[in-house]
Protein backbone atom coordinates (compact mmCIF):
# COMPACT_ATOMS: atom_id res chain seq x y z
CA MET A 1 156.45 78.98 113.30
CA ASN A 2 157.55 75.38 113.86
CA TYR A 3 154.58 73.06 113.29
CA ARG A 4 155.73 70.47 115.85
CA SER A 5 155.95 73.04 118.65
CA ALA A 6 153.10 75.28 117.52
CA ASP A 7 150.01 75.85 119.65
CA LEU A 8 147.30 75.46 117.03
CA ASN A 9 144.70 76.84 119.45
CA LEU A 10 146.22 80.24 118.70
CA LEU A 11 144.90 79.93 115.15
CA LYS A 12 141.34 79.95 116.50
CA VAL A 13 142.09 83.25 118.24
CA PHE A 14 143.72 84.58 115.06
CA GLU A 15 140.62 83.62 113.06
CA ALA A 16 138.26 85.23 115.58
CA LEU A 17 140.25 88.49 115.53
CA MET A 18 140.26 88.50 111.72
CA THR A 19 136.54 87.86 111.44
CA GLU A 20 135.36 90.06 114.30
CA GLY A 21 137.86 92.93 114.10
CA ASN A 22 137.46 93.47 117.83
CA VAL A 23 139.06 91.80 120.86
CA THR A 24 135.88 91.84 122.96
CA ARG A 25 133.75 90.32 120.19
CA ALA A 26 136.45 87.74 119.47
CA ALA A 27 136.45 86.73 123.15
CA ARG A 28 132.66 86.46 123.14
CA LYS A 29 132.72 84.33 119.99
CA LEU A 30 135.26 81.94 121.52
CA SER A 31 133.59 81.93 124.97
CA LEU A 32 136.83 83.22 126.47
CA THR A 33 137.66 86.20 128.65
CA GLN A 34 139.08 89.32 127.05
CA PRO A 35 142.41 88.97 128.98
CA THR A 36 142.74 85.41 127.65
CA VAL A 37 142.33 86.62 124.06
CA SER A 38 144.74 89.50 124.69
CA ASN A 39 147.28 87.03 126.06
CA ALA A 40 146.83 84.78 123.02
CA LEU A 41 147.34 87.79 120.77
CA ARG A 42 150.59 88.57 122.59
CA ARG A 43 151.77 85.01 121.94
CA LEU A 44 150.75 85.25 118.30
CA ARG A 45 152.77 88.45 117.95
CA GLU A 46 155.80 86.77 119.50
CA THR A 47 155.39 83.72 117.28
CA PHE A 48 155.17 85.67 114.02
CA ASP A 49 157.34 88.60 115.13
CA ASP A 50 154.68 91.04 113.93
CA PRO A 51 151.95 93.15 115.63
CA LEU A 52 149.36 91.32 113.42
CA PHE A 53 146.54 93.65 114.59
CA VAL A 54 146.65 97.38 115.27
CA ARG A 55 144.03 99.49 117.01
CA SER A 56 141.59 101.38 114.78
CA GLY A 57 138.68 103.20 116.37
CA ALA A 58 136.76 100.73 118.53
CA GLY A 59 138.39 97.67 116.96
CA VAL A 60 141.56 96.29 115.43
CA ASN A 61 142.75 96.06 111.83
CA PRO A 62 145.05 93.34 110.48
CA THR A 63 148.58 94.23 109.40
CA ARG A 64 149.90 93.22 106.00
CA ARG A 65 151.55 90.18 107.60
CA ALA A 66 148.21 89.10 109.11
CA ILE A 67 146.54 89.45 105.72
CA GLU A 68 149.28 87.35 104.11
CA LEU A 69 148.77 84.65 106.74
CA TRP A 70 145.00 84.74 106.34
CA GLU A 71 145.14 84.08 102.59
CA PRO A 72 146.09 80.37 102.93
CA LEU A 73 144.67 79.86 106.43
CA ALA A 74 141.08 80.95 105.73
CA PRO A 75 140.10 78.16 103.30
CA SER A 76 141.99 75.58 105.39
CA LEU A 77 140.19 76.54 108.61
CA HIS A 78 136.88 76.60 106.74
CA ALA A 79 137.52 73.08 105.43
CA ILE A 80 138.54 71.77 108.87
CA ARG A 81 135.44 73.24 110.48
CA GLY A 82 133.23 71.75 107.80
CA THR A 83 134.82 68.33 108.30
CA LEU A 84 134.54 68.35 112.09
CA GLU A 85 131.20 70.08 112.54
CA GLY A 86 129.40 69.73 109.23
CA GLU A 87 127.85 72.72 107.48
CA ARG A 88 125.91 74.36 110.30
CA PHE A 89 124.45 77.32 108.43
CA ASP A 90 120.75 76.84 107.83
CA ALA A 91 119.33 79.65 105.72
CA LEU A 92 115.71 78.69 106.42
CA ARG A 93 116.26 79.12 110.16
CA SER A 94 118.78 81.94 110.07
CA THR A 95 117.93 85.18 111.88
CA ALA A 96 121.17 86.85 110.78
CA SER A 97 121.27 90.57 110.01
CA LEU A 98 123.59 91.67 107.20
CA SER A 99 124.28 95.08 105.68
CA ILE A 100 125.32 96.03 102.16
CA ALA A 101 126.80 99.43 101.25
CA MET A 102 125.47 100.67 97.91
CA SER A 103 124.14 103.72 96.11
CA ASP A 104 120.42 104.23 95.59
CA TYR A 105 120.87 103.24 91.91
CA VAL A 106 122.40 99.88 92.89
CA SER A 107 119.94 99.45 95.77
CA SER A 108 116.96 99.91 93.43
CA ILE A 109 118.25 96.96 91.41
CA VAL A 110 119.61 94.70 94.14
CA VAL A 111 117.19 94.98 97.06
CA PRO A 112 113.92 94.02 95.28
CA ARG A 113 115.47 90.91 93.71
CA LEU A 114 117.40 89.92 96.82
CA ALA A 115 114.39 90.44 99.09
CA GLY A 116 112.29 88.28 96.77
CA GLN A 117 114.78 85.43 97.06
CA LEU A 118 115.20 85.76 100.82
CA SER A 119 111.45 85.69 101.41
CA THR A 120 111.50 81.98 100.59
CA ALA A 121 115.15 80.92 101.07
CA ALA A 122 115.82 82.77 104.34
CA PRO A 123 112.55 84.33 105.57
CA SER A 124 113.89 85.44 108.96
CA MET A 125 117.14 86.95 107.69
CA GLN A 126 117.45 90.76 107.71
CA ILE A 127 119.18 92.74 104.96
CA HIS A 128 119.98 96.43 105.39
CA ALA A 129 121.17 98.78 102.64
CA ILE A 130 123.46 101.54 103.89
CA PRO A 131 124.77 104.54 101.91
CA ASN A 132 127.88 103.96 99.84
CA THR A 133 130.78 106.37 99.59
CA LEU A 134 133.53 106.28 96.98
CA VAL A 135 136.10 107.57 99.46
CA ASP A 136 137.35 104.85 101.79
CA PHE A 137 134.32 102.62 101.23
CA ASP A 138 136.77 99.79 101.84
CA LYS A 139 137.21 101.25 105.34
CA VAL A 140 133.52 100.60 105.95
CA LEU A 141 134.25 96.92 105.32
CA ALA A 142 137.46 97.02 107.35
CA ASP A 143 135.62 98.51 110.35
CA ASN A 144 132.79 95.93 110.13
CA LYS A 145 130.23 98.64 109.40
CA ALA A 146 129.02 96.65 106.39
CA ASP A 147 129.26 93.00 105.41
CA PHE A 148 129.39 93.68 101.67
CA ALA A 149 129.59 96.59 99.28
CA ILE A 150 128.24 96.67 95.73
CA SER A 151 129.83 99.51 93.85
CA VAL A 152 132.12 100.80 91.14
CA TYR A 153 135.57 101.04 92.67
CA ASN A 154 137.28 104.42 92.69
CA GLU A 155 140.41 103.44 90.78
CA GLU A 156 142.12 106.64 91.88
CA VAL A 157 142.83 104.75 95.12
CA GLN A 158 144.85 101.54 95.32
CA ARG A 159 142.85 98.53 96.45
CA PRO A 160 143.88 97.28 99.90
CA ALA A 161 145.09 93.69 100.17
CA PHE A 162 142.15 92.58 102.34
CA LEU A 163 139.54 93.59 99.76
CA LYS A 164 138.03 90.70 97.79
CA SER A 165 135.69 91.21 94.84
CA ARG A 166 133.77 89.65 91.96
CA ALA A 167 132.49 91.55 88.94
CA LEU A 168 128.69 91.64 88.67
CA TRP A 169 127.41 93.71 85.75
CA SER A 170 128.48 96.60 83.57
CA PRO A 171 125.94 99.40 83.01
CA ASP A 172 125.97 101.64 79.95
CA PHE A 173 125.78 105.42 79.96
CA MET A 174 122.59 106.88 78.55
CA CYS A 175 121.23 110.37 78.11
CA VAL A 176 117.89 111.03 79.85
CA LEU A 177 115.64 114.01 79.14
CA ARG A 178 111.96 114.77 79.45
CA THR A 179 109.80 113.76 76.48
CA GLY A 180 108.91 117.40 75.70
CA HIS A 181 112.52 118.60 75.68
CA PRO A 182 113.55 120.28 72.36
CA LEU A 183 116.48 117.86 72.01
CA ALA A 184 114.17 114.85 72.32
CA ARG A 185 112.86 115.28 68.77
CA ALA A 186 115.92 113.79 67.08
CA ASP A 187 117.17 110.22 67.22
CA LYS A 188 120.55 111.34 68.51
CA ILE A 189 121.78 114.57 70.08
CA PRO A 190 124.63 116.26 68.16
CA LEU A 191 127.77 116.57 70.28
CA LYS A 192 127.85 120.37 70.14
CA LYS A 193 124.23 120.67 71.32
CA PHE A 194 124.79 117.99 73.95
CA LEU A 195 127.75 119.86 75.47
CA ALA A 196 125.86 123.18 75.44
CA ALA A 197 122.70 121.78 77.04
CA ARG A 198 122.14 122.31 80.77
CA HIS A 199 123.11 119.12 82.64
CA VAL A 200 122.46 117.60 86.06
CA ASP A 201 124.49 114.67 87.37
CA VAL A 202 124.97 112.56 90.47
CA SER A 203 128.02 113.24 92.61
CA LEU A 204 128.47 110.57 95.27
CA VAL A 205 130.52 111.25 98.38
CA GLY A 206 134.18 110.94 97.54
CA LYS A 207 133.92 111.76 93.83
CA THR A 208 135.05 115.29 93.00
CA MET A 209 133.80 115.06 89.44
CA PRO A 210 131.12 112.83 87.85
CA THR A 211 132.54 109.92 85.86
CA TYR A 212 131.28 111.10 82.47
CA ASP A 213 132.90 114.49 82.99
CA LEU A 214 136.23 112.80 83.68
CA PHE A 215 135.82 111.00 80.36
CA LEU A 216 134.95 114.22 78.51
CA HIS A 217 137.94 116.02 80.06
CA SER A 218 140.20 113.22 78.83
CA ARG A 219 138.97 114.10 75.32
CA GLY A 220 139.50 117.82 75.84
CA LEU A 221 135.74 118.46 76.13
CA GLN A 222 133.48 120.00 78.76
CA ARG A 223 129.71 119.99 79.11
CA ASN A 224 127.49 122.59 80.75
CA LEU A 225 127.04 120.93 84.16
CA VAL A 226 124.85 123.30 86.18
CA ALA A 227 123.65 121.04 89.03
CA THR A 228 124.66 117.94 90.96
CA VAL A 229 122.60 115.84 93.34
CA ASN A 230 123.57 113.03 95.69
CA HIS A 231 120.91 110.49 94.66
CA TYR A 232 120.05 108.97 91.29
CA HIS A 233 116.34 109.16 92.09
CA ALA A 234 116.70 112.92 92.57
CA ALA A 235 118.43 113.23 89.19
CA TYR A 236 115.50 111.53 87.47
CA GLU A 237 113.06 113.91 89.16
CA VAL A 238 115.11 116.98 88.20
CA VAL A 239 115.10 115.86 84.56
CA ARG A 240 111.41 115.03 84.67
CA ARG A 241 110.50 118.51 85.97
CA SER A 242 112.91 120.74 84.02
CA ASP A 243 114.85 121.18 80.80
CA LEU A 244 118.01 119.80 82.34
CA ILE A 245 119.35 116.58 80.86
CA ALA A 246 121.42 113.87 82.55
CA VAL A 247 123.88 111.12 81.69
CA LEU A 248 122.98 108.16 83.92
CA PRO A 249 123.87 104.48 84.16
CA TRP A 250 121.53 102.09 82.40
CA SER A 251 121.39 98.32 82.83
CA GLU A 252 119.01 96.80 80.31
CA ARG A 253 119.00 93.48 82.18
CA PHE A 254 117.99 94.94 85.54
CA GLU A 255 116.66 98.45 85.08
CA PRO A 256 113.51 99.27 87.10
CA VAL A 257 110.65 101.02 85.33
CA ARG A 258 111.21 104.70 86.03
CA LEU A 259 111.15 106.40 82.63
CA ALA A 260 107.57 107.71 82.76
CA GLY A 261 107.61 111.11 81.08
CA LEU A 262 111.25 110.67 80.06
CA ARG A 263 113.11 109.69 76.94
CA ARG A 264 116.28 107.62 76.85
CA MET A 265 118.79 108.47 74.10
CA PRO A 266 122.36 107.37 73.32
CA VAL A 267 125.18 109.62 74.48
CA PRO A 268 127.10 111.31 71.64
CA LEU A 269 130.36 109.73 72.85
CA ASP A 270 130.55 106.28 74.40
CA ALA A 271 132.63 106.24 77.56
CA PRO A 272 134.56 103.16 78.71
CA PRO A 273 132.28 100.76 80.58
CA ARG A 274 132.14 100.80 84.36
CA ILE A 275 132.02 97.53 86.25
CA ILE A 276 129.84 97.14 89.31
CA GLU A 277 131.48 94.71 91.69
CA LEU A 278 130.60 92.81 94.84
CA PHE A 279 133.17 93.54 97.56
CA TRP A 280 133.80 91.87 100.91
CA HIS A 281 136.53 91.75 103.53
CA GLN A 282 138.90 88.82 103.47
CA ARG A 283 137.99 88.07 107.09
CA HIS A 284 134.65 86.60 105.96
CA GLU A 285 136.25 83.84 103.89
CA THR A 286 135.54 81.32 106.67
CA SER A 287 131.97 82.43 107.38
CA ALA A 288 129.33 80.03 106.03
CA LEU A 289 126.72 82.80 106.33
CA HIS A 290 128.73 85.26 104.23
CA GLN A 291 129.63 82.60 101.69
CA TRP A 292 125.95 81.71 101.32
CA LEU A 293 124.83 85.29 100.72
CA LYS A 294 127.80 85.98 98.43
CA ASN A 295 126.88 82.99 96.27
CA LEU A 296 123.24 84.08 96.16
CA LEU A 297 124.24 87.59 95.02
CA LEU A 298 126.49 86.12 92.32
CA VAL A 299 123.66 83.90 91.05
CA LEU A 300 121.30 86.89 90.90
CA PHE A 301 123.59 89.53 89.44
CA GLU A 302 126.82 88.15 87.99
CA GLN A 303 127.07 88.80 84.26
CA PRO A 304 126.87 85.58 82.21
CA SER A 305 130.23 84.83 80.59
């Protein structure tokens, strides 16, 4: 693109398509007709000799070229808007509704603290937790079905270029069993008895094998996993009401009180730490609302360096 001959108004259409992921919503945001936005998209495609956006379900997804363009353009457009208009986002008056994809374990930590902050900082803002899946959870962000995700990334899948993230905290693995369990009498469970015990674990959608089992298999070991559930709360209840034991994430800094009738013990073998990250789509880099909530989440949950 030649700067002297470029129609910079096209960049506003490009930004709207990136942030909205839908031609109709982009037109509404710009107060333009859908044919006008479609025509601008055609001109953008001719200018950059690339489709830039391809249809996906009810919306459009950016091509790799669009993502490459967005990387330098997003902060520049954000700065220009801030200079011309001032920072218009007012948390105290905001009635925005945002969704975060996360497991029930993460939700039990994040939602109470976040809701407490929003009750004073943004009392009319709505936050919705939606179920997280380890398969294509980045697609949930790409399709605008969630504004953020807080999760451990499934490293079996390559991260797409549009996915932005910041590390939050790193939970430990711990062994949980009921206080009256025969193995609860010792300070530490011997490895042989641990592997032979009857286990329950959490298997989230998209994970064929629980994380700790993957670690054991890498060491040539296998435990007696007899049950899986799809919620961490359910795993705690199974352990509380049976002789099954579980290996569950534990975050000393954040953990809610839920160990009544249970004992927490170290696992016989320490697995590599997992990192819970905050994820968002690159399209939100110019959104003052998303930047505000992202910064609040980082203040609340980012691990001190």
